[in-house]
Amino acid sequence: MLDRVVEIFDHAAKEGRVGFSLQHVNAVADVGTVLYSECLGRIIRPDGEVMTASEFVRYLEAAGRIAALDRHMLTLAFDWLAHHP
């Protein structure tokens, strides 16, 4: 399974199918106030199925490839921020 997930990530990254969703973190005193958003990794498989980070991060960590995911996510996040100041 480890090798398969690494392969899925590598192909998805090359094909632009790694992305993220934003999850808001709200203030306790005013739940309508968004303090910041967390960037949650996603892989879109070729068939359109979404893999959440909980389904692939542990395998990338075990394979020593988590830094590749981190770099990729930072690139995506900075690109998104450049277009959404």
Protein backbone atom coordinates (compact mmCIF):
# COMPACT_ATOMS: atom_id res chain seq x y z
CA MET A 1 0.00 0.00 0.00
CA LEU A 2 2.85 2.37 0.84
CA ASP A 3 4.37 2.20 -2.64
CA ARG A 4 0.95 2.57 -4.27
CA VAL A 5 0.10 5.73 -2.32
CA VAL A 6 3.51 7.27 -3.09
CA GLU A 7 2.92 6.49 -6.76
CA ILE A 8 -0.56 8.05 -6.61
CA PHE A 9 0.90 11.20 -5.03
CA ASP A 10 3.75 11.46 -7.54
CA HIS A 11 1.42 11.15 -10.53
CA ALA A 12 -1.15 13.51 -9.01
CA ALA A 13 1.50 16.15 -8.31
CA LYS A 14 2.84 15.95 -11.88
CA GLU A 15 -0.68 16.13 -13.33
CA GLY A 16 -1.93 19.00 -11.14
CA ARG A 17 -4.31 16.84 -9.12
CA VAL A 18 -2.96 17.74 -5.69
CA GLY A 19 -4.87 20.55 -4.08
CA PHE A 20 -6.34 21.73 -0.84
CA SER A 21 -9.48 22.86 0.84
CA LEU A 22 -9.70 25.63 3.39
CA GLN A 23 -11.21 24.94 6.77
CA HIS A 24 -12.06 28.03 8.80
CA VAL A 25 -11.08 28.33 12.43
CA ASN A 26 -13.60 30.55 14.18
CA ALA A 27 -13.41 32.60 17.37
CA VAL A 28 -15.01 30.96 20.39
CA ALA A 29 -16.58 34.22 21.57
CA ASP A 30 -18.03 34.98 18.13
CA VAL A 31 -18.42 31.91 15.93
CA GLY A 32 -19.13 34.17 12.97
CA THR A 33 -15.59 35.55 13.14
CA VAL A 34 -13.03 33.59 11.12
CA LEU A 35 -9.61 33.87 12.75
CA TYR A 36 -7.74 32.01 10.04
CA SER A 37 -8.08 29.03 7.73
CA GLU A 38 -6.25 25.74 7.70
CA CYS A 39 -5.07 24.34 4.39
CA LEU A 40 -6.03 20.65 4.15
CA GLY A 41 -4.37 18.57 1.45
CA ARG A 42 -6.33 16.62 -1.13
CA ILE A 43 -5.46 14.30 -3.99
CA ILE A 44 -7.91 13.93 -6.85
CA ARG A 45 -7.59 10.46 -8.30
CA PRO A 46 -7.94 10.02 -12.09
CA ASP A 47 -11.49 8.72 -11.59
CA GLY A 48 -12.40 11.93 -9.70
CA GLU A 49 -12.40 10.35 -6.23
CA VAL A 50 -10.98 12.66 -3.55
CA MET A 51 -8.36 11.34 -1.16
CA THR A 52 -8.16 13.35 2.04
CA ALA A 53 -4.89 13.90 3.89
CA SER A 54 -5.88 11.28 6.46
CA GLU A 55 -5.78 8.70 3.67
CA PHE A 56 -2.28 9.46 2.37
CA VAL A 57 -0.13 11.50 4.78
CA ARG A 58 0.88 8.56 6.98
CA TYR A 59 2.14 6.69 3.91
CA LEU A 60 4.16 9.65 2.66
CA GLU A 61 5.62 10.02 6.16
CA ALA A 62 6.54 6.33 6.28
CA ALA A 63 8.17 6.56 2.85
CA GLY A 64 10.18 9.65 3.80
CA ARG A 65 8.28 11.72 1.23
CA ILE A 66 6.38 14.12 3.49
CA ALA A 67 8.78 16.97 2.65
CA ALA A 68 7.75 16.64 -1.00
CA LEU A 69 4.12 17.08 0.01
CA ASP A 70 5.02 20.03 2.25
CA ARG A 71 6.87 21.80 -0.56
CA HIS A 72 4.05 21.15 -2.99
CA MET A 73 1.42 22.42 -0.55
CA LEU A 74 3.44 25.57 0.19
CA THR A 75 3.70 26.29 -3.54
CA LEU A 76 -0.07 25.84 -3.94
CA ALA A 77 -0.84 27.96 -0.88
CA PHE A 78 1.44 30.83 -1.92
CA ASP A 79 0.00 30.77 -5.43
CA TRP A 80 -3.54 30.88 -4.00
CA LEU A 81 -2.59 33.76 -1.66
CA ALA A 82 -1.08 35.72 -4.56
CA HIS A 83 -4.46 35.57 -6.31
CA HIS A 84 -6.58 36.08 -3.17
CA PRO A 85 -4.88 38.83 -1.12
